[in-house]
Amino acid sequence: LGGDMKLDGLKVKIEIGDYEYEIDHMAPIRIENLPAGEYQVKVSL
């Protein structure tokens, strides 16, 4: 909110434990094959 990811040069970084992924637009991100366990999911702009 408050900006445009493309026009403002933004990206979102997803960190799930030691796994990372980056995306430059708004869309649901699917994750497969995560091992069992407790995770801290951090989503950063």
All heavy atoms as atom14 arrays in JSON, in Angstrom:
{
  "sequence": "LGGDMKLDGLKVKIEIGDYEYEIDHMAPIRIENLPAGEYQVKVSL",
  "atom14_mask": [
    [1, 1, 1, 1, 1, 1, 1, 1, 0, 0, 0, 0, 0, 0],
    [1, 1, 1, 1, 0, 0, 0, 0, 0, 0, 0, 0, 0, 0],
    [1, 1, 1, 1, 0, 0, 0, 0, 0, 0, 0, 0, 0, 0],
    [1, 1, 1, 1, 1, 1, 1, 1, 0, 0, 0, 0, 0, 0],
    [1, 1, 1, 1, 1, 1, 1, 1, 0, 0, 0, 0, 0, 0],
    [1, 1, 1, 1, 1, 1, 1, 1, 1, 0, 0, 0, 0, 0],
    [1, 1, 1, 1, 1, 1, 1, 1, 0, 0, 0, 0, 0, 0],
    [1, 1, 1, 1, 1, 1, 1, 1, 0, 0, 0, 0, 0, 0],
    [1, 1, 1, 1, 0, 0, 0, 0, 0, 0, 0, 0, 0, 0],
    [1, 1, 1, 1, 1, 1, 1, 1, 0, 0, 0, 0, 0, 0],
    [1, 1, 1, 1, 1, 1, 1, 1, 1, 0, 0, 0, 0, 0],
    [1, 1, 1, 1, 1, 1, 1, 0, 0, 0, 0, 0, 0, 0],
    [1, 1, 1, 1, 1, 1, 1, 1, 1, 0, 0, 0, 0, 0],
    [1, 1, 1, 1, 1, 1, 1, 1, 0, 0, 0, 0, 0, 0],
    [1, 1, 1, 1, 1, 1, 1, 1, 1, 0, 0, 0, 0, 0],
    [1, 1, 1, 1, 1, 1, 1, 1, 0, 0, 0, 0, 0, 0],
    [1, 1, 1, 1, 0, 0, 0, 0, 0, 0, 0, 0, 0, 0],
    [1, 1, 1, 1, 1, 1, 1, 1, 0, 0, 0, 0, 0, 0],
    [1, 1, 1, 1, 1, 1, 1, 1, 1, 1, 1, 1, 0, 0],
    [1, 1, 1, 1, 1, 1, 1, 1, 1, 0, 0, 0, 0, 0],
    [1, 1, 1, 1, 1, 1, 1, 1, 1, 1, 1, 1, 0, 0],
    [1, 1, 1, 1, 1, 1, 1, 1, 1, 0, 0, 0, 0, 0],
    [1, 1, 1, 1, 1, 1, 1, 1, 0, 0, 0, 0, 0, 0],
    [1, 1, 1, 1, 1, 1, 1, 1, 0, 0, 0, 0, 0, 0],
    [1, 1, 1, 1, 1, 1, 1, 1, 1, 1, 0, 0, 0, 0],
    [1, 1, 1, 1, 1, 1, 1, 1, 0, 0, 0, 0, 0, 0],
    [1, 1, 1, 1, 1, 0, 0, 0, 0, 0, 0, 0, 0, 0],
    [1, 1, 1, 1, 1, 1, 1, 0, 0, 0, 0, 0, 0, 0],
    [1, 1, 1, 1, 1, 1, 1, 1, 0, 0, 0, 0, 0, 0],
    [1, 1, 1, 1, 1, 1, 1, 1, 1, 1, 1, 0, 0, 0],
    [1, 1, 1, 1, 1, 1, 1, 1, 0, 0, 0, 0, 0, 0],
    [1, 1, 1, 1, 1, 1, 1, 1, 1, 0, 0, 0, 0, 0],
    [1, 1, 1, 1, 1, 1, 1, 1, 0, 0, 0, 0, 0, 0],
    [1, 1, 1, 1, 1, 1, 1, 1, 0, 0, 0, 0, 0, 0],
    [1, 1, 1, 1, 1, 1, 1, 0, 0, 0, 0, 0, 0, 0],
    [1, 1, 1, 1, 1, 0, 0, 0, 0, 0, 0, 0, 0, 0],
    [1, 1, 1, 1, 0, 0, 0, 0, 0, 0, 0, 0, 0, 0],
    [1, 1, 1, 1, 1, 1, 1, 1, 1, 0, 0, 0, 0, 0],
    [1, 1, 1, 1, 1, 1, 1, 1, 1, 1, 1, 1, 0, 0],
    [1, 1, 1, 1, 1, 1, 1, 1, 1, 0, 0, 0, 0, 0],
    [1, 1, 1, 1, 1, 1, 1, 0, 0, 0, 0, 0, 0, 0],
    [1, 1, 1, 1, 1, 1, 1, 1, 1, 0, 0, 0, 0, 0],
    [1, 1, 1, 1, 1, 1, 1, 0, 0, 0, 0, 0, 0, 0],
    [1, 1, 1, 1, 1, 1, 0, 0, 0, 0, 0, 0, 0, 0],
    [1, 1, 1, 1, 1, 1, 1, 1, 0, 0, 0, 0, 0, 0]
  ],
  "atom14_positions": [
    [[0.83, -1.21, 0.0], [0.0, 0.0, 0.0], [0.86, 1.25, 0.0], [1.99, 1.23, 0.48], [-0.93, 0.0, 1.21], [-1.89, -1.19, 1.27], [-1.38, -2.23, 2.26], [-3.28, -0.76, 1.66], [0.0, 0.0, 0.0], [0.0, 0.0, 0.0], [0.0, 0.0, 0.0], [0.0, 0.0, 0.0], [0.0, 0.0, 0.0], [0.0, 0.0, 0.0]],
    [[0.31, 2.32, -0.56], [1.01, 3.59, -0.58], [2.07, 3.71, -1.65], [2.9, 4.63, -1.6], [0.0, 0.0, 0.0], [0.0, 0.0, 0.0], [0.0, 0.0, 0.0], [0.0, 0.0, 0.0], [0.0, 0.0, 0.0], [0.0, 0.0, 0.0], [0.0, 0.0, 0.0], [0.0, 0.0, 0.0], [0.0, 0.0, 0.0], [0.0, 0.0, 0.0]],
    [[2.07, 2.8, -2.61], [3.06, 2.86, -3.68], [2.8, 1.81, -4.73], [1.93, 0.95, -4.58], [0.0, 0.0, 0.0], [0.0, 0.0, 0.0], [0.0, 0.0, 0.0], [0.0, 0.0, 0.0], [0.0, 0.0, 0.0], [0.0, 0.0, 0.0], [0.0, 0.0, 0.0], [0.0, 0.0, 0.0], [0.0, 0.0, 0.0], [0.0, 0.0, 0.0]],
    [[3.56, 1.87, -5.8], [3.47, 0.91, -6.9], [4.8, 0.17, -6.99], [5.86, 0.8, -7.11], [3.19, 1.63, -8.21], [3.02, 0.69, -9.38], [4.04, 0.22, -9.92], [1.86, 0.4, -9.75], [0.0, 0.0, 0.0], [0.0, 0.0, 0.0], [0.0, 0.0, 0.0], [0.0, 0.0, 0.0], [0.0, 0.0, 0.0], [0.0, 0.0, 0.0]],
    [[4.75, -1.15, -6.92], [5.99, -1.91, -6.86], [6.88, -1.69, -8.08], [8.1, -1.57, -7.96], [5.69, -3.4, -6.66], [5.05, -3.73, -5.33], [4.89, -5.49, -5.03], [6.61, -5.99, -4.81], [0.0, 0.0, 0.0], [0.0, 0.0, 0.0], [0.0, 0.0, 0.0], [0.0, 0.0, 0.0], [0.0, 0.0, 0.0], [0.0, 0.0, 0.0]],
    [[6.29, -1.63, -9.25], [7.07, -1.44, -10.48], [7.6, -0.01, -10.57], [8.79, 0.22, -10.77], [6.2, -1.77, -11.7], [5.76, -3.22, -11.79], [6.91, -4.12, -12.17], [6.4, -5.55, -12.45], [7.51, -6.46, -12.79], [0.0, 0.0, 0.0], [0.0, 0.0, 0.0], [0.0, 0.0, 0.0], [0.0, 0.0, 0.0], [0.0, 0.0, 0.0]],
    [[6.69, 0.98, -10.44], [7.08, 2.37, -10.62], [8.03, 2.85, -9.53], [8.91, 3.69, -9.79], [5.83, 3.26, -10.65], [4.85, 3.02, -11.8], [3.64, 3.94, -11.67], [5.54, 3.23, -13.15], [0.0, 0.0, 0.0], [0.0, 0.0, 0.0], [0.0, 0.0, 0.0], [0.0, 0.0, 0.0], [0.0, 0.0, 0.0], [0.0, 0.0, 0.0]],
    [[7.87, 2.34, -8.31], [8.69, 2.79, -7.19], [9.93, 1.92, -6.97], [10.68, 2.15, -6.02], [7.87, 2.83, -5.91], [6.75, 3.85, -5.97], [6.93, 4.86, -6.68], [5.69, 3.64, -5.35], [0.0, 0.0, 0.0], [0.0, 0.0, 0.0], [0.0, 0.0, 0.0], [0.0, 0.0, 0.0], [0.0, 0.0, 0.0], [0.0, 0.0, 0.0]],
    [[10.13, 0.92, -7.82], [11.32, 0.09, -7.71], [11.36, -0.71, -6.42], [12.35, -0.71, -5.69], [0.0, 0.0, 0.0], [0.0, 0.0, 0.0], [0.0, 0.0, 0.0], [0.0, 0.0, 0.0], [0.0, 0.0, 0.0], [0.0, 0.0, 0.0], [0.0, 0.0, 0.0], [0.0, 0.0, 0.0], [0.0, 0.0, 0.0], [0.0, 0.0, 0.0]],
    [[10.24, -1.43, -6.13], [10.13, -2.18, -4.89], [10.11, -3.69, -5.15], [9.77, -4.14, -6.25], [8.85, -1.79, -4.15], [8.67, -0.31, -3.83], [7.28, -0.07, -3.26], [9.74, 0.17, -2.86], [0.0, 0.0, 0.0], [0.0, 0.0, 0.0], [0.0, 0.0, 0.0], [0.0, 0.0, 0.0], [0.0, 0.0, 0.0], [0.0, 0.0, 0.0]],
    [[10.43, -4.43, -4.13], [10.3, -5.89, -4.17], [9.94, -6.38, -2.77], [10.15, -5.66, -1.79], [11.59, -6.55, -4.66], [12.8, -6.33, -3.75], [14.03, -6.99, -4.32], [15.26, -6.75, -3.43], [16.48, -7.4, -3.97], [0.0, 0.0, 0.0], [0.0, 0.0, 0.0], [0.0, 0.0, 0.0], [0.0, 0.0, 0.0], [0.0, 0.0, 0.0]],
    [[9.41, -7.56, -2.71], [9.08, -8.18, -1.43], [9.95, -9.42, -1.25], [10.06, -10.25, -2.16], [7.58, -8.54, -1.36], [7.3, -9.46, -0.17], [6.75, -7.28, -1.23], [0.0, 0.0, 0.0], [0.0, 0.0, 0.0], [0.0, 0.0, 0.0], [0.0, 0.0, 0.0], [0.0, 0.0, 0.0], [0.0, 0.0, 0.0], [0.0, 0.0, 0.0]],
    [[10.56, -9.51, -0.1], [11.42, -10.65, 0.23], [10.72, -11.52, 1.24], [10.25, -11.03, 2.27], [12.75, -10.16, 0.78], [13.74, -11.28, 1.12], [15.06, -10.69, 1.62], [16.08, -11.77, 1.93], [17.35, -11.19, 2.41], [0.0, 0.0, 0.0], [0.0, 0.0, 0.0], [0.0, 0.0, 0.0], [0.0, 0.0, 0.0], [0.0, 0.0, 0.0]],
    [[10.62, -12.81, 0.96], [10.01, -13.78, 1.88], [11.1, -14.66, 2.45], [11.87, -15.26, 1.7], [8.93, -14.63, 1.18], [7.77, -13.74, 0.76], [8.42, -15.73, 2.09], [7.66, -13.55, -0.7], [0.0, 0.0, 0.0], [0.0, 0.0, 0.0], [0.0, 0.0, 0.0], [0.0, 0.0, 0.0], [0.0, 0.0, 0.0], [0.0, 0.0, 0.0]],
    [[11.18, -14.71, 3.77], [12.14, -15.58, 4.45], [11.35, -16.56, 5.32], [10.59, -16.15, 6.19], [13.09, -14.76, 5.31], [13.92, -13.75, 4.52], [14.7, -12.81, 5.42], [15.79, -13.21, 5.89], [14.2, -11.7, 5.67], [0.0, 0.0, 0.0], [0.0, 0.0, 0.0], [0.0, 0.0, 0.0], [0.0, 0.0, 0.0], [0.0, 0.0, 0.0]],
    [[11.54, -17.83, 5.07], [10.9, -18.89, 5.86], [12.02, -19.75, 6.42], [12.54, -20.64, 5.73], [9.92, -19.72, 5.03], [8.9, -18.82, 4.35], [9.22, -20.76, 5.9], [7.92, -19.56, 3.45], [0.0, 0.0, 0.0], [0.0, 0.0, 0.0], [0.0, 0.0, 0.0], [0.0, 0.0, 0.0], [0.0, 0.0, 0.0], [0.0, 0.0, 0.0]],
    [[12.41, -19.48, 7.65], [13.6, -20.14, 8.17], [14.8, -19.77, 7.32], [15.12, -18.59, 7.14], [0.0, 0.0, 0.0], [0.0, 0.0, 0.0], [0.0, 0.0, 0.0], [0.0, 0.0, 0.0], [0.0, 0.0, 0.0], [0.0, 0.0, 0.0], [0.0, 0.0, 0.0], [0.0, 0.0, 0.0], [0.0, 0.0, 0.0], [0.0, 0.0, 0.0]],
    [[15.47, -20.77, 6.74], [16.65, -20.54, 5.9], [16.31, -20.43, 4.42], [17.21, -20.31, 3.59], [17.65, -21.69, 6.09], [18.22, -21.72, 7.51], [18.5, -20.63, 8.04], [18.37, -22.81, 8.07], [0.0, 0.0, 0.0], [0.0, 0.0, 0.0], [0.0, 0.0, 0.0], [0.0, 0.0, 0.0], [0.0, 0.0, 0.0], [0.0, 0.0, 0.0]],
    [[15.03, -20.47, 4.07], [14.61, -20.4, 2.67], [14.19, -18.98, 2.33], [13.49, -18.32, 3.1], [13.46, -21.37, 2.41], [13.76, -22.79, 2.84], [13.24, -23.3, 4.04], [14.55, -23.63, 2.07], [13.51, -24.6, 4.44], [14.82, -24.93, 2.46], [14.3, -25.41, 3.65], [14.57, -26.69, 4.05], [0.0, 0.0, 0.0], [0.0, 0.0, 0.0]],
    [[14.6, -18.51, 1.13], [14.31, -17.14, 0.73], [13.75, -17.09, -0.69], [14.07, -17.94, -1.53], [15.58, -16.28, 0.79], [16.16, -16.11, 2.18], [17.37, -15.19, 2.19], [17.74, -14.7, 1.1], [17.93, -14.97, 3.27], [0.0, 0.0, 0.0], [0.0, 0.0, 0.0], [0.0, 0.0, 0.0], [0.0, 0.0, 0.0], [0.0, 0.0, 0.0]],
    [[12.94, -16.06, -0.93], [12.35, -15.85, -2.26], [12.02, -14.37, -2.39], [11.63, -13.73, -1.42], [11.08, -16.7, -2.39], [10.4, -16.63, -3.74], [10.88, -17.36, -4.83], [9.27, -15.86, -3.93], [10.24, -17.32, -6.06], [8.62, -15.81, -5.16], [9.12, -16.54, -6.22], [8.48, -16.5, -7.44], [0.0, 0.0, 0.0], [0.0, 0.0, 0.0]],
    [[12.18, -13.82, -3.6], [11.86, -12.42, -3.86], [10.88, -12.31, -5.01], [10.92, -13.11, -5.95], [13.14, -11.62, -4.16], [14.07, -11.51, -2.96], [15.3, -10.67, -3.26], [15.49, -10.28, -4.44], [16.08, -10.39, -2.32], [0.0, 0.0, 0.0], [0.0, 0.0, 0.0], [0.0, 0.0, 0.0], [0.0, 0.0, 0.0], [0.0, 0.0, 0.0]],
    [[10.02, -11.29, -4.94], [9.0, -11.08, -5.96], [8.84, -9.58, -6.18], [8.93, -8.81, -5.21], [7.67, -11.75, -5.56], [6.63, -11.62, -6.68], [7.14, -11.19, -4.26], [5.37, -12.44, -6.42], [0.0, 0.0, 0.0], [0.0, 0.0, 0.0], [0.0, 0.0, 0.0], [0.0, 0.0, 0.0], [0.0, 0.0, 0.0], [0.0, 0.0, 0.0]],
    [[8.61, -9.17, -7.44], [8.51, -7.74, -7.75], [7.09, -7.3, -8.1], [6.89, -6.24, -8.68], [9.46, -7.38, -8.89], [9.12, -8.09, -10.19], [8.15, -8.89, -10.21], [9.82, -7.85, -11.2], [0.0, 0.0, 0.0], [0.0, 0.0, 0.0], [0.0, 0.0, 0.0], [0.0, 0.0, 0.0], [0.0, 0.0, 0.0], [0.0, 0.0, 0.0]],
    [[6.09, -8.11, -7.75], [4.7, -7.75, -7.98], [3.83, -8.45, -6.95], [4.28, -9.37, -6.26], [4.25, -8.14, -9.4], [4.33, -9.61, -9.68], [5.53, -10.26, -9.94], [3.38, -10.58, -9.71], [5.3, -11.55, -10.14], [4.02, -11.76, -9.99], [0.0, 0.0, 0.0], [0.0, 0.0, 0.0], [0.0, 0.0, 0.0], [0.0, 0.0, 0.0]],
    [[2.59, -8.01, -6.83], [1.69, -8.62, -5.85], [1.02, -9.85, -6.45], [0.31, -9.77, -7.46], [0.62, -7.61, -5.41], [1.15, -6.5, -4.53], [-0.18, -5.53, -3.75], [-0.88, -4.67, -5.16], [0.0, 0.0, 0.0], [0.0, 0.0, 0.0], [0.0, 0.0, 0.0], [0.0, 0.0, 0.0], [0.0, 0.0, 0.0], [0.0, 0.0, 0.0]],
    [[1.24, -11.0, -5.81], [0.62, -12.26, -6.22], [0.79, -13.25, -5.09], [1.79, -13.21, -4.36], [1.27, -12.79, -7.5], [0.0, 0.0, 0.0], [0.0, 0.0, 0.0], [0.0, 0.0, 0.0], [0.0, 0.0, 0.0], [0.0, 0.0, 0.0], [0.0, 0.0, 0.0], [0.0, 0.0, 0.0], [0.0, 0.0, 0.0], [0.0, 0.0, 0.0]],
    [[-0.17, -14.17, -4.91], [0.0, -15.21, -3.9], [1.18, -16.11, -4.26], [1.31, -16.54, -5.41], [-1.33, -15.98, -3.95], [-2.3, -15.06, -4.6], [-1.49, -14.24, -5.56], [0.0, 0.0, 0.0], [0.0, 0.0, 0.0], [0.0, 0.0, 0.0], [0.0, 0.0, 0.0], [0.0, 0.0, 0.0], [0.0, 0.0, 0.0], [0.0, 0.0, 0.0]],
    [[2.03, -16.38, -3.29], [3.21, -17.2, -3.5], [2.98, -18.55, -2.83], [2.67, -18.62, -1.65], [4.46, -16.53, -2.91], [4.68, -15.17, -3.58], [5.69, -17.4, -3.07], [5.52, -14.24, -2.78], [0.0, 0.0, 0.0], [0.0, 0.0, 0.0], [0.0, 0.0, 0.0], [0.0, 0.0, 0.0], [0.0, 0.0, 0.0], [0.0, 0.0, 0.0]],
    [[3.12, -19.61, -3.61], [2.96, -20.96, -3.09], [4.32, -21.55, -2.73], [5.32, -21.28, -3.42], [2.3, -21.87, -4.12], [0.79, -21.88, -4.09], [0.16, -20.71, -4.74], [-1.3, -20.87, -4.8], [-2.14, -20.02, -5.34], [-1.68, -18.92, -5.91], [-3.44, -20.24, -5.35], [0.0, 0.0, 0.0], [0.0, 0.0, 0.0], [0.0, 0.0, 0.0]],
    [[4.35, -22.34, -1.66], [5.59, -23.01, -1.24], [5.29, -24.49, -1.08], [4.32, -24.87, -0.41], [6.14, -22.43, 0.07], [6.42, -20.93, -0.06], [7.42, -23.13, 0.48], [5.34, -20.04, 0.46], [0.0, 0.0, 0.0], [0.0, 0.0, 0.0], [0.0, 0.0, 0.0], [0.0, 0.0, 0.0], [0.0, 0.0, 0.0], [0.0, 0.0, 0.0]],
    [[6.11, -25.32, -1.69], [5.95, -26.77, -1.62], [7.15, -27.41, -0.94], [8.27, -26.91, -1.02], [5.81, -27.37, -3.02], [4.5, -27.08, -3.7], [4.39, -27.75, -5.06], [5.44, -28.07, -5.66], [3.25, -27.94, -5.52], [0.0, 0.0, 0.0], [0.0, 0.0, 0.0], [0.0, 0.0, 0.0], [0.0, 0.0, 0.0], [0.0, 0.0, 0.0]],
    [[6.89, -28.53, -0.26], [7.92, -29.43, 0.27], [8.7, -28.85, 1.45], [9.86, -29.22, 1.67], [8.92, -29.84, -0.83], [8.22, -30.43, -2.04], [7.26, -31.18, -1.9], [8.69, -30.1, -3.22], [0.0, 0.0, 0.0], [0.0, 0.0, 0.0], [0.0, 0.0, 0.0], [0.0, 0.0, 0.0], [0.0, 0.0, 0.0], [0.0, 0.0, 0.0]],
    [[8.08, -27.95, 2.22], [8.74, -27.49, 3.44], [8.82, -28.65, 4.44], [7.82, -29.3, 4.72], [7.96, -26.34, 4.07], [8.3, -24.91, 3.67], [7.35, -23.95, 4.37], [9.74, -24.57, 3.98], [0.0, 0.0, 0.0], [0.0, 0.0, 0.0], [0.0, 0.0, 0.0], [0.0, 0.0, 0.0], [0.0, 0.0, 0.0], [0.0, 0.0, 0.0]],
    [[10.0, -28.91, 4.99], [10.1, -29.96, 6.0], [9.28, -29.62, 7.24], [9.01, -28.44, 7.51], [11.6, -29.99, 6.32], [12.27, -29.32, 5.17], [11.3, -28.3, 4.66], [0.0, 0.0, 0.0], [0.0, 0.0, 0.0], [0.0, 0.0, 0.0], [0.0, 0.0, 0.0], [0.0, 0.0, 0.0], [0.0, 0.0, 0.0], [0.0, 0.0, 0.0]],
    [[8.89, -30.62, 7.98], [8.12, -30.4, 9.2], [8.96, -29.58, 10.19], [10.18, -29.71, 10.27], [7.73, -31.73, 9.82], [0.0, 0.0, 0.0], [0.0, 0.0, 0.0], [0.0, 0.0, 0.0], [0.0, 0.0, 0.0], [0.0, 0.0, 0.0], [0.0, 0.0, 0.0], [0.0, 0.0, 0.0], [0.0, 0.0, 0.0], [0.0, 0.0, 0.0]],
    [[8.27, -28.71, 10.93], [8.96, -27.9, 11.92], [8.24, -26.59, 12.16], [7.21, -26.3, 11.55], [0.0, 0.0, 0.0], [0.0, 0.0, 0.0], [0.0, 0.0, 0.0], [0.0, 0.0, 0.0], [0.0, 0.0, 0.0], [0.0, 0.0, 0.0], [0.0, 0.0, 0.0], [0.0, 0.0, 0.0], [0.0, 0.0, 0.0], [0.0, 0.0, 0.0]],
    [[8.79, -25.8, 13.07], [8.26, -24.46, 13.36], [9.11, -23.43, 12.65], [10.34, -23.48, 12.69], [8.26, -24.21, 14.87], [7.67, -22.86, 15.26], [7.59, -22.67, 16.77], [6.85, -23.44, 17.42], [8.28, -21.78, 17.29], [0.0, 0.0, 0.0], [0.0, 0.0, 0.0], [0.0, 0.0, 0.0], [0.0, 0.0, 0.0], [0.0, 0.0, 0.0]],
    [[8.45, -22.47, 11.98], [9.16, -21.48, 11.17], [8.75, -20.06, 11.54], [7.59, -19.81, 11.87], [8.86, -21.69, 9.68], [9.39, -22.98, 9.1], [8.6, -24.12, 9.11], [10.66, -23.05, 8.54], [9.07, -25.32, 8.59], [11.14, -24.23, 8.0], [10.35, -25.37, 8.03], [10.82, -26.54, 7.51], [0.0, 0.0, 0.0], [0.0, 0.0, 0.0]],
    [[9.71, -19.16, 11.43], [9.43, -17.73, 11.46], [9.33, -17.27, 10.01], [10.31, -17.35, 9.26], [10.54, -16.97, 12.18], [10.63, -17.25, 13.67], [9.43, -16.71, 14.43], [9.05, -15.55, 14.27], [8.84, -17.54, 15.26], [0.0, 0.0, 0.0], [0.0, 0.0, 0.0], [0.0, 0.0, 0.0], [0.0, 0.0, 0.0], [0.0, 0.0, 0.0]],
    [[8.15, -16.82, 9.61], [7.95, -16.32, 8.26], [8.05, -14.8, 8.31], [7.23, -14.13, 8.94], [6.57, -16.75, 7.7], [6.37, -16.21, 6.29], [6.45, -18.27, 7.71], [0.0, 0.0, 0.0], [0.0, 0.0, 0.0], [0.0, 0.0, 0.0], [0.0, 0.0, 0.0], [0.0, 0.0, 0.0], [0.0, 0.0, 0.0], [0.0, 0.0, 0.0]],
    [[9.07, -14.26, 7.63], [9.27, -12.81, 7.6], [9.04, -12.32, 6.17], [9.68, -12.8, 5.24], [10.67, -12.43, 8.07], [10.89, -10.92, 8.13], [12.28, -10.57, 8.64], [12.48, -9.06, 8.72], [13.83, -8.69, 9.18], [0.0, 0.0, 0.0], [0.0, 0.0, 0.0], [0.0, 0.0, 0.0], [0.0, 0.0, 0.0], [0.0, 0.0, 0.0]],
    [[8.13, -11.37, 6.03], [7.84, -10.76, 4.74], [8.25, -9.3, 4.83], [7.74, -8.55, 5.67], [6.34, -10.89, 4.39], [6.08, -10.35, 2.99], [5.89, -12.35, 4.48], [0.0, 0.0, 0.0], [0.0, 0.0, 0.0], [0.0, 0.0, 0.0], [0.0, 0.0, 0.0], [0.0, 0.0, 0.0], [0.0, 0.0, 0.0], [0.0, 0.0, 0.0]],
    [[9.19, -8.9, 3.96], [9.77, -7.55, 4.05], [9.62, -6.82, 2.73], [9.8, -7.41, 1.66], [11.27, -7.63, 4.41], [11.47, -8.35, 5.59], [0.0, 0.0, 0.0], [0.0, 0.0, 0.0], [0.0, 0.0, 0.0], [0.0, 0.0, 0.0], [0.0, 0.0, 0.0], [0.0, 0.0, 0.0], [0.0, 0.0, 0.0], [0.0, 0.0, 0.0]],
    [[9.32, -5.53, 2.81], [9.25, -4.66, 1.64], [10.58, -3.93, 1.51], [11.01, -3.22, 2.44], [8.1, -3.67, 1.78], [7.83, -2.75, 0.6], [7.46, -3.54, -0.65], [6.71, -1.77, 0.93], [0.0, 0.0, 0.0], [0.0, 0.0, 0.0], [0.0, 0.0, 0.0], [0.0, 0.0, 0.0], [0.0, 0.0, 0.0], [0.0, 0.0, 0.0]]
  ]
}
